[in-house]
Amino acid sequence: MKKIAEHPNELNFGDNNIAVVEVDGKKICVGLHNQKYFAFAYKCPHAGGILADGFIDPLGRVVCPLHRYRFDPYNGINVSGEGFYLRHWPVEWNEKGVFIQDLI
């Protein structure tokens, strides 16, 4: 696990509930929905749209700003049906800080 912050308040979530962090020299998005944190790829697997410019919909799905493809951030499935897969990682917050699973 890699520490990304001491506390979630350091993550600078935008109005879209998405923050960007750097892990192992790579940009990663961290999302927030219903008090749960999750991490996912910075770029959409379809056309490379910057997912930090997208948003989290009311059901907690990541929505790409380019073509509105939607992804479940907990399993990476493209729920809008186009067949793409979004890289994603669990996020853990405890008394020692905010952590993301190591990138592979």
Protein backbone atom coordinates (compact mmCIF):
# COMPACT_ATOMS: atom_id res chain seq x y z
CA MET A 1 0.00 0.00 0.00
CA LYS A 2 1.19 3.52 -0.82
CA LYS A 3 0.33 6.47 1.36
CA ILE A 4 -1.26 9.29 -0.62
CA ALA A 5 -2.27 11.63 2.22
CA GLU A 6 -2.35 12.03 5.98
CA HIS A 7 -6.08 12.81 5.82
CA PRO A 8 -8.70 12.93 3.00
CA ASN A 9 -8.95 16.73 3.45
CA GLU A 10 -5.50 16.97 1.80
CA LEU A 11 -6.75 15.41 -1.45
CA ASN A 12 -8.32 18.60 -2.85
CA PHE A 13 -11.54 17.14 -4.22
CA GLY A 14 -13.18 19.37 -6.80
CA ASP A 15 -16.88 20.06 -7.20
CA ASN A 16 -17.00 16.78 -9.15
CA ASN A 17 -15.73 14.77 -6.11
CA ILE A 18 -12.56 13.76 -7.96
CA ALA A 19 -9.00 14.52 -6.82
CA VAL A 20 -5.73 13.80 -8.63
CA VAL A 21 -2.70 12.31 -6.86
CA GLU A 22 0.63 11.03 -8.08
CA VAL A 23 1.63 7.46 -7.23
CA ASP A 24 4.89 5.96 -8.47
CA GLY A 25 5.22 8.85 -10.95
CA LYS A 26 1.73 8.28 -12.42
CA LYS A 27 -1.37 10.44 -12.10
CA ILE A 28 -4.29 8.62 -10.50
CA CYS A 29 -7.79 9.85 -9.72
CA VAL A 30 -9.37 9.43 -6.30
CA GLY A 31 -13.14 9.64 -6.13
CA LEU A 32 -15.54 10.20 -3.28
CA HIS A 33 -19.15 9.03 -3.15
CA ASN A 34 -21.31 8.43 -0.08
CA GLN A 35 -18.31 8.82 2.23
CA LYS A 36 -16.40 6.06 0.38
CA TYR A 37 -13.09 6.60 -1.41
CA PHE A 38 -11.89 4.76 -4.51
CA ALA A 39 -9.05 5.20 -6.99
CA PHE A 40 -9.12 4.83 -10.75
CA ALA A 41 -7.11 5.58 -13.89
CA TYR A 42 -6.45 9.19 -14.86
CA LYS A 43 -7.43 8.57 -18.50
CA CYS A 44 -10.46 6.83 -19.95
CA PRO A 45 -9.63 3.49 -21.61
CA HIS A 46 -11.79 4.39 -24.62
CA ALA A 47 -10.35 7.63 -26.03
CA GLY A 48 -8.00 8.91 -23.34
CA GLY A 49 -10.34 11.51 -21.87
CA ILE A 50 -9.08 12.99 -18.62
CA LEU A 51 -11.37 11.42 -16.03
CA ALA A 52 -10.54 14.13 -13.49
CA ASP A 53 -12.51 16.43 -15.80
CA GLY A 54 -15.50 14.09 -15.63
CA PHE A 55 -17.71 13.48 -12.62
CA ILE A 56 -19.17 10.94 -10.24
CA ASP A 57 -22.86 10.38 -11.04
CA PRO A 58 -25.57 9.98 -8.35
CA LEU A 59 -25.09 6.18 -8.42
CA GLY A 60 -21.35 6.54 -7.74
CA ARG A 61 -20.15 5.73 -11.26
CA VAL A 62 -17.23 7.52 -12.91
CA VAL A 63 -18.37 9.41 -16.03
CA CYS A 64 -15.89 10.32 -18.77
CA PRO A 65 -16.14 13.94 -19.98
CA LEU A 66 -15.65 13.05 -23.67
CA HIS A 67 -18.32 10.48 -24.51
CA ARG A 68 -20.07 10.01 -21.16
CA TYR A 69 -19.00 6.38 -20.82
CA ARG A 70 -19.72 5.23 -17.27
CA PHE A 71 -17.62 2.92 -15.11
CA ASP A 72 -18.15 1.18 -11.79
CA PRO A 73 -15.12 2.33 -9.74
CA TYR A 74 -15.11 -0.79 -7.56
CA ASN A 75 -14.82 -3.39 -10.34
CA GLY A 76 -13.88 -1.33 -13.44
CA ILE A 77 -16.85 -2.55 -15.50
CA ASN A 78 -18.08 -0.21 -18.22
CA VAL A 79 -21.73 -0.04 -17.09
CA SER A 80 -22.88 1.95 -20.13
CA GLY A 81 -22.19 -1.15 -22.24
CA GLU A 82 -19.32 -0.24 -24.58
CA GLY A 83 -17.08 -3.07 -23.33
CA PHE A 84 -14.15 -1.13 -21.87
CA TYR A 85 -12.47 -1.77 -18.51
CA LEU A 86 -11.30 0.98 -16.15
CA ARG A 87 -8.21 0.31 -14.04
CA HIS A 88 -9.06 0.84 -10.40
CA TRP A 89 -7.54 0.36 -6.94
CA PRO A 90 -8.93 0.14 -3.43
CA VAL A 91 -8.40 3.07 -1.08
CA GLU A 92 -8.08 2.63 2.66
CA TRP A 93 -8.35 5.40 5.24
CA ASN A 94 -7.30 4.74 8.82
CA GLU A 95 -5.56 6.55 11.68
CA LYS A 96 -2.21 6.34 9.85
CA GLY A 97 -3.43 8.05 6.68
CA VAL A 98 -4.99 7.45 3.27
CA PHE A 99 -3.54 4.57 1.27
CA ILE A 100 -3.93 3.15 -2.22
CA GLN A 101 -3.06 -0.38 -3.26
CA ASP A 102 0.28 -0.62 -5.10
CA LEU A 103 -0.03 -0.04 -8.86
CA ILE A 104 0.77 -2.99 -11.07
